[in-house]
C-alpha atoms as a PDB file:
ATOM      1  CA  MET A   1     -45.680  10.704  16.689  1.00  0.00           C
ATOM      2  CA  GLU A   2     -43.452   8.583  14.506  1.00  0.00           C
ATOM      3  CA  LYS A   3     -40.424  10.091  13.068  1.00  0.00           C
ATOM      4  CA  ALA A   4     -40.466  10.096   9.187  1.00  0.00           C
ATOM      5  CA  GLN A   5     -37.820   7.583   7.804  1.00  0.00           C
ATOM      6  CA  VAL A   6     -35.280   9.492   5.730  1.00  0.00           C
ATOM      7  CA  GLY A   7     -33.939   7.350   2.826  1.00  0.00           C
ATOM      8  CA  ARG A   8     -33.876   3.431   2.566  1.00  0.00           C
ATOM      9  CA  PRO A   9     -31.531   1.513   4.479  1.00  0.00           C
ATOM     10  CA  ARG A  10     -28.520   0.167   2.423  1.00  0.00           C
ATOM     11  CA  GLU A  11     -29.052  -3.342   1.269  1.00  0.00           C
ATOM     12  CA  PHE A  12     -25.448  -4.185   1.221  1.00  0.00           C
ATOM     13  CA  ASP A  13     -22.533  -4.502   3.438  1.00  0.00           C
ATOM     14  CA  ALA A  14     -20.307  -1.336   2.669  1.00  0.00           C
ATOM     15  CA  GLU A  15     -17.301  -2.752   4.247  1.00  0.00           C
ATOM     16  CA  GLU A  16     -17.432  -6.003   2.292  1.00  0.00           C
ATOM     17  CA  ALA A  17     -18.148  -4.089  -0.985  1.00  0.00           C
ATOM     18  CA  LEU A  18     -15.158  -1.797  -0.227  1.00  0.00           C
ATOM     19  CA  LEU A  19     -12.882  -4.890   0.338  1.00  0.00           C
ATOM     20  CA  LYS A  20     -14.004  -6.172  -3.029  1.00  0.00           C
ATOM     21  CA  ALA A  21     -13.310  -2.934  -4.833  1.00  0.00           C
ATOM     22  CA  MET A  22      -9.923  -2.879  -3.121  1.00  0.00           C
ATOM     23  CA  ARG A  23      -9.207  -6.301  -4.713  1.00  0.00           C
ATOM     24  CA  VAL A  24     -10.233  -5.194  -8.174  1.00  0.00           C
ATOM     25  CA  PHE A  25      -7.958  -2.223  -8.102  1.00  0.00           C
ATOM     26  CA  TRP A  26      -5.154  -4.405  -6.917  1.00  0.00           C
ATOM     27  CA  GLU A  27      -5.606  -6.943  -9.538  1.00  0.00           C
ATOM     28  CA  GLN A  28      -6.393  -4.533 -12.410  1.00  0.00           C
ATOM     29  CA  GLY A  29      -4.790  -1.091 -11.575  1.00  0.00           C
ATOM     30  CA  TYR A  30      -6.899   2.026 -11.522  1.00  0.00           C
ATOM     31  CA  ASP A  31      -7.240   2.371 -15.174  1.00  0.00           C
ATOM     32  CA  GLY A  32      -8.002  -1.390 -15.826  1.00  0.00           C
ATOM     33  CA  ALA A  33     -10.815  -1.395 -13.254  1.00  0.00           C
ATOM     34  CA  SER A  34     -13.984  -0.429 -15.083  1.00  0.00           C
ATOM     35  CA  LEU A  35     -17.124   0.838 -13.407  1.00  0.00           C
ATOM     36  CA  THR A  36     -18.589  -2.312 -14.633  1.00  0.00           C
ATOM     37  CA  ASP A  37     -15.799  -4.571 -13.084  1.00  0.00           C
ATOM     38  CA  LEU A  38     -16.078  -2.688  -9.819  1.00  0.00           C
ATOM     39  CA  THR A  39     -19.994  -2.624  -9.536  1.00  0.00           C
ATOM     40  CA  GLU A  40     -20.204  -6.441 -10.448  1.00  0.00           C
ATOM     41  CA  ARG A  41     -17.595  -7.484  -8.020  1.00  0.00           C
ATOM     42  CA  MET A  42     -19.129  -5.322  -5.336  1.00  0.00           C
ATOM     43  CA  GLY A  43     -22.683  -6.556  -5.952  1.00  0.00           C
ATOM     44  CA  ILE A  44     -24.116  -3.349  -6.262  1.00  0.00           C
ATOM     45  CA  SER A  45     -25.544  -0.826  -8.929  1.00  0.00           C
ATOM     46  CA  ARG A  46     -23.488   2.283  -9.981  1.00  0.00           C
ATOM     47  CA  LYS A  47     -26.051   4.436  -8.334  1.00  0.00           C
ATOM     48  CA  SER A  48     -25.355   2.585  -5.090  1.00  0.00           C
ATOM     49  CA  MET A  49     -21.727   2.889  -5.547  1.00  0.00           C
ATOM     50  CA  TYR A  50     -21.910   6.587  -6.072  1.00  0.00           C
ATOM     51  CA  ALA A  51     -24.137   6.935  -3.032  1.00  0.00           C
ATOM     52  CA  ALA A  52     -22.041   4.967  -0.662  1.00  0.00           C
ATOM     53  CA  PHE A  53     -18.573   5.703  -1.948  1.00  0.00           C
ATOM     54  CA  GLY A  54     -18.551   8.677  -4.416  1.00  0.00           C
ATOM     55  CA  ASN A  55     -16.940   8.492  -7.852  1.00  0.00           C
ATOM     56  CA  LYS A  56     -14.262   6.099  -8.906  1.00  0.00           C
ATOM     57  CA  GLU A  57     -11.544   8.394  -7.714  1.00  0.00           C
ATOM     58  CA  GLU A  58     -13.061   8.564  -4.245  1.00  0.00           C
ATOM     59  CA  LEU A  59     -13.728   4.761  -4.121  1.00  0.00           C
ATOM     60  CA  PHE A  60     -10.018   4.299  -5.147  1.00  0.00           C
ATOM     61  CA  ARG A  61      -8.911   6.585  -2.222  1.00  0.00           C
ATOM     62  CA  LYS A  62     -11.010   4.670   0.118  1.00  0.00           C
ATOM     63  CA  ALA A  63      -9.854   1.362  -1.154  1.00  0.00           C
ATOM     64  CA  LEU A  64      -6.222   2.384  -0.608  1.00  0.00           C
ATOM     65  CA  GLN A  65      -6.778   3.402   2.901  1.00  0.00           C
ATOM     66  CA  ARG A  66      -8.367  -0.085   3.570  1.00  0.00           C
ATOM     67  CA  TYR A  67      -5.206  -1.488   1.713  1.00  0.00           C
ATOM     68  CA  THR A  68      -2.973   0.615   4.043  1.00  0.00           C
ATOM     69  CA  ASP A  69      -5.062  -0.656   7.156  1.00  0.00           C
ATOM     70  CA  ILE A  70      -4.831  -4.303   6.089  1.00  0.00           C
ATOM     71  CA  GLN A  71      -1.881  -5.088   3.934  1.00  0.00           C
ATOM     72  CA  ALA A  72       0.559  -2.403   4.845  1.00  0.00           C
ATOM     73  CA  VAL A  73       0.358  -2.355   8.514  1.00  0.00           C
ATOM     74  CA  TYR A  74       3.630  -3.929   8.568  1.00  0.00           C
ATOM     75  CA  VAL A  75       5.334  -0.538   7.813  1.00  0.00           C
ATOM     76  CA  PHE A  76       3.823   0.840  11.069  1.00  0.00           C
ATOM     77  CA  GLU A  77       4.801  -2.296  13.031  1.00  0.00           C
ATOM     78  CA  ALA A  78       8.309  -2.182  11.655  1.00  0.00           C
ATOM     79  CA  LEU A  79       8.795   1.682  12.784  1.00  0.00           C
ATOM     80  CA  LYS A  80       8.192   0.735  16.400  1.00  0.00           C
ATOM     81  CA  ALA A  81      11.347  -1.675  16.384  1.00  0.00           C
ATOM     82  CA  ALA A  82      13.991  -0.576  18.931  1.00  0.00           C
ATOM     83  CA  THR A  83      16.865  -0.116  16.634  1.00  0.00           C
ATOM     84  CA  ALA A  84      17.277   1.151  13.019  1.00  0.00           C
ATOM     85  CA  TRP A  85      18.699  -2.313  11.981  1.00  0.00           C
ATOM     86  CA  GLU A  86      15.435  -4.024  13.347  1.00  0.00           C
ATOM     87  CA  VAL A  87      13.297  -1.444  11.685  1.00  0.00           C
ATOM     88  CA  ALA A  88      14.955  -2.140   8.315  1.00  0.00           C
ATOM     89  CA  THR A  89      14.974  -5.859   8.802  1.00  0.00           C
ATOM     90  CA  ALA A  90      11.191  -5.865   9.893  1.00  0.00           C
ATOM     91  CA  PHE A  91      10.185  -3.582   7.042  1.00  0.00           C
ATOM     92  CA  LEU A  92      11.657  -5.678   4.057  1.00  0.00           C
ATOM     93  CA  ALA A  93      10.588  -8.985   5.701  1.00  0.00           C
ATOM     94  CA  GLY A  94       7.147  -7.425   5.955  1.00  0.00           C
ATOM     95  CA  ALA A  95       7.310  -6.226   2.220  1.00  0.00           C
ATOM     96  CA  ALA A  96       8.257  -9.995   1.197  1.00  0.00           C
ATOM     97  CA  LEU A  97       5.292 -11.249   2.969  1.00  0.00           C
ATOM     98  CA  ALA A  98       2.853  -8.662   1.988  1.00  0.00           C
ATOM     99  CA  ASN A  99       3.661  -8.788  -1.701  1.00  0.00           C
ATOM    100  CA  THR A 100       3.193 -12.791  -1.637  1.00  0.00           C
ATOM    101  CA  ARG A 101       0.536 -13.281   0.622  1.00  0.00           C
ATOM    102  CA  PRO A 102      -1.608 -16.412  -0.090  1.00  0.00           C
ATOM    103  CA  GLY A 103      -4.980 -15.777  -1.470  1.00  0.00           C
ATOM    104  CA  CYS A 104      -4.250 -12.198  -2.335  1.00  0.00           C
ATOM    105  CA  PRO A 105      -2.987 -10.661  -5.636  1.00  0.00           C
ATOM    106  CA  SER A 106       0.710 -10.533  -6.121  1.00  0.00           C
ATOM    107  CA  GLY A 107       2.587  -7.248  -5.495  1.00  0.00           C
ATOM    108  CA  CYS A 108       1.542  -3.813  -3.884  1.00  0.00           C
ATOM    109  CA  LEU A 109      -1.677  -1.982  -4.798  1.00  0.00           C
ATOM    110  CA  GLY A 110       0.353   1.052  -3.579  1.00  0.00           C
ATOM    111  CA  VAL A 111       3.192   0.491  -6.146  1.00  0.00           C
ATOM    112  CA  GLN A 112       1.315  -0.948  -9.211  1.00  0.00           C
ATOM    113  CA  GLY A 113      -2.146   0.562  -8.856  1.00  0.00           C
ATOM    114  CA  ALA A 114      -1.466   3.519 -11.244  1.00  0.00           C
ATOM    115  CA  LEU A 115       2.076   2.912 -12.769  1.00  0.00           C
ATOM    116  CA  ALA A 116       0.843   3.036 -16.212  1.00  0.00           C
ATOM    117  CA  ALA A 117      -2.242   5.236 -15.758  1.00  0.00           C
ATOM    118  CA  GLY A 118      -3.439   7.503 -18.682  1.00  0.00           C
ATOM    119  CA  SER A 119      -4.914  10.779 -18.510  1.00  0.00           C
ATOM    120  CA  THR A 120      -7.984   9.498 -16.799  1.00  0.00           C
ATOM    121  CA  GLY A 121      -5.785   7.907 -13.930  1.00  0.00           C
ATOM    122  CA  GLU A 122      -3.707  11.040 -13.125  1.00  0.00           C
ATOM    123  CA  VAL A 123      -5.442  11.566  -9.893  1.00  0.00           C
ATOM    124  CA  ALA A 124      -4.844   7.979  -8.902  1.00  0.00           C
ATOM    125  CA  ARG A 125      -1.240   8.181  -9.727  1.00  0.00           C
ATOM    126  CA  ASP A 126      -0.721  11.242  -7.895  1.00  0.00           C
ATOM    127  CA  THR A 127      -2.410   9.700  -4.945  1.00  0.00           C
ATOM    128  CA  LEU A 128      -0.084   6.835  -4.991  1.00  0.00           C
ATOM    129  CA  VAL A 129       2.919   9.016  -5.552  1.00  0.00           C
ATOM    130  CA  ALA A 130       1.910  10.803  -2.398  1.00  0.00           C
ATOM    131  CA  TRP A 131       1.021   7.511  -0.551  1.00  0.00           C
ATOM    132  CA  ARG A 132       4.504   6.057  -1.362  1.00  0.00           C
ATOM    133  CA  ALA A 133       6.286   9.358  -0.428  1.00  0.00           C
ATOM    134  CA  LEU A 134       4.556   9.382   2.926  1.00  0.00           C
ATOM    135  CA  GLY A 135       5.866   5.861   3.775  1.00  0.00           C
ATOM    136  CA  GLN A 136       9.334   7.050   2.806  1.00  0.00           C
ATOM    137  CA  GLU A 137       9.041  10.057   5.070  1.00  0.00           C
ATOM    138  CA  TYR A 138       7.920   7.945   8.012  1.00  0.00           C
ATOM    139  CA  LEU A 139      11.056   5.780   7.600  1.00  0.00           C
ATOM    140  CA  ARG A 140      13.370   9.031   7.047  1.00  0.00           C
ATOM    141  CA  GLU A 141      11.932  10.463  10.370  1.00  0.00           C
ATOM    142  CA  ARG A 142      12.570   7.073  12.267  1.00  0.00           C
ATOM    143  CA  PHE A 143      16.085   7.081  10.927  1.00  0.00           C
ATOM    144  CA  GLN A 144      16.759  10.642  11.695  1.00  0.00           C
ATOM    145  CA  ARG A 145      15.791   9.651  15.326  1.00  0.00           C
ATOM    146  CA  ALA A 146      18.215   6.850  15.025  1.00  0.00           C
ATOM    147  CA  VAL A 147      21.108   9.260  14.011  1.00  0.00           C
ATOM    148  CA  ASP A 148      20.151  11.671  16.842  1.00  0.00           C
ATOM    149  CA  GLU A 149      20.344   8.930  19.321  1.00  0.00           C
ATOM    150  CA  GLY A 150      23.422   7.491  18.172  1.00  0.00           C
ATOM    151  CA  ASP A 151      22.055   4.233  16.828  1.00  0.00           C
ATOM    152  CA  LEU A 152      23.119   5.167  13.377  1.00  0.00           C
ATOM    153  CA  PRO A 153      26.527   6.678  12.595  1.00  0.00           C
ATOM    154  CA  ALA A 154      26.509  10.678  12.784  1.00  0.00           C
ATOM    155  CA  GLY A 155      27.228  10.976   9.064  1.00  0.00           C
ATOM    156  CA  THR A 156      24.404   8.665   7.917  1.00  0.00           C
ATOM    157  CA  ASP A 157      21.865  10.386   5.549  1.00  0.00           C
ATOM    158  CA  PRO A 158      18.384   9.403   6.845  1.00  0.00           C
ATOM    159  CA  ASP A 159      16.780  10.322   3.467  1.00  0.00           C
ATOM    160  CA  LEU A 160      19.106   8.009   1.606  1.00  0.00           C
ATOM    161  CA  VAL A 161      18.560   5.088   3.920  1.00  0.00           C
ATOM    162  CA  ALA A 162      14.810   5.614   3.813  1.00  0.00           C
ATOM    163  CA  ARG A 163      14.993   5.988  -0.131  1.00  0.00           C
ATOM    164  CA  TYR A 164      17.113   2.814  -0.254  1.00  0.00           C
ATOM    165  CA  LEU A 165      14.753   0.738   1.614  1.00  0.00           C
ATOM    166  CA  MET A 166      11.637   2.099  -0.175  1.00  0.00           C
ATOM    167  CA  THR A 167      13.428   1.277  -3.456  1.00  0.00           C
ATOM    168  CA  ILE A 168      14.035  -2.358  -2.532  1.00  0.00           C
ATOM    169  CA  SER A 169      10.602  -2.738  -1.325  1.00  0.00           C
ATOM    170  CA  ASN A 170       8.994  -1.368  -4.516  1.00  0.00           C
ATOM    171  CA  GLY A 171      11.299  -3.568  -6.529  1.00  0.00           C
ATOM    172  CA  MET A 172      10.003  -6.613  -4.531  1.00  0.00           C
ATOM    173  CA  SER A 173       6.426  -5.655  -5.583  1.00  0.00           C
ATOM    174  CA  VAL A 174       7.384  -5.824  -9.254  1.00  0.00           C
ATOM    175  CA  GLN A 175       9.220  -9.080  -8.791  1.00  0.00           C
ATOM    176  CA  ALA A 176       6.253 -10.569  -6.943  1.00  0.00           C
ATOM    177  CA  THR A 177       4.051  -9.908  -9.762  1.00  0.00           C
ATOM    178  CA  GLY A 178       6.256 -11.897 -11.933  1.00  0.00           C
ATOM    179  CA  GLY A 179       5.987 -14.819  -9.756  1.00  0.00           C
ATOM    180  CA  ALA A 180       8.817 -14.341  -7.125  1.00  0.00           C
ATOM    181  CA  THR A 181       8.071 -16.120  -3.821  1.00  0.00           C
ATOM    182  CA  GLN A 182       8.370 -14.884  -0.427  1.00  0.00           C
ATOM    183  CA  GLU A 183      11.514 -16.957   0.158  1.00  0.00           C
ATOM    184  CA  GLU A 184      13.119 -15.363  -3.049  1.00  0.00           C
ATOM    185  CA  LEU A 185      12.089 -11.930  -1.936  1.00  0.00           C
ATOM    186  CA  GLN A 186      13.482 -12.537   1.557  1.00  0.00           C
ATOM    187  CA  ARG A 187      16.840 -13.434  -0.041  1.00  0.00           C
ATOM    188  CA  VAL A 188      16.741 -10.149  -1.887  1.00  0.00           C
ATOM    189  CA  ALA A 189      15.899  -8.404   1.475  1.00  0.00           C
ATOM    190  CA  ASP A 190      18.928 -10.215   3.034  1.00  0.00           C
ATOM    191  CA  ALA A 191      21.206  -9.138   0.428  1.00  0.00           C
ATOM    192  CA  ALA A 192      20.231  -5.491   0.502  1.00  0.00           C
ATOM    193  CA  LEU A 193      20.801  -5.582   4.337  1.00  0.00           C
ATOM    194  CA  ARG A 194      24.185  -6.525   3.799  1.00  0.00           C
ATOM    195  CA  ASN A 195      24.801  -2.942   2.514  1.00  0.00           C
ATOM    196  CA  TRP A 196      23.482  -1.443   5.802  1.00  0.00           C
ATOM    197  CA  PRO A 197      23.496   1.352   6.300  1.00  0.00           C
ATOM    198  CA  PRO A 198      23.952   2.718   2.664  1.00  0.00           C
ATOM    199  CA  ALA A 199      26.936   4.826   2.519  1.00  0.00           C
END
């Protein structure tokens, strides 16, 4: 006896559709990305979008996770470096590259995706605030370890160092959307590291 088929199989590549949605959010921000923009770029109907990804907020969260896996992976690679100096150097070099990668929108989805969101974008804005705070916390924990191991001076404030680097990185994103090149951003990174570690 044959098993009854439950539902029709999806007629689109969900991963490809999610990558396209990620790009729309990256280019236009949460509020700027309408459902029409999203579904047209994804090549699916609203019904299919809701069935596969949930509402716009859920789609944004999933798109941000894909962005993290693809574009923000440099953060996790930097954290593996042997010394705090190497972590900072790799983190800022990674930011300079990620914000100016050829073929991608300029800047960072995690920074600009909902900076100017209205009331309809509050969830997205809060999601990105938490996303950025988590990245800063990863850095803080790594620099606390560096202090504990004697790699950074005993009086170093790991939270301040992490916030310093995150502020430079976020500023790079804004500069990139204004047309700054990877080379120009790398010069900013090099200048920032001349104050290492921040007092």
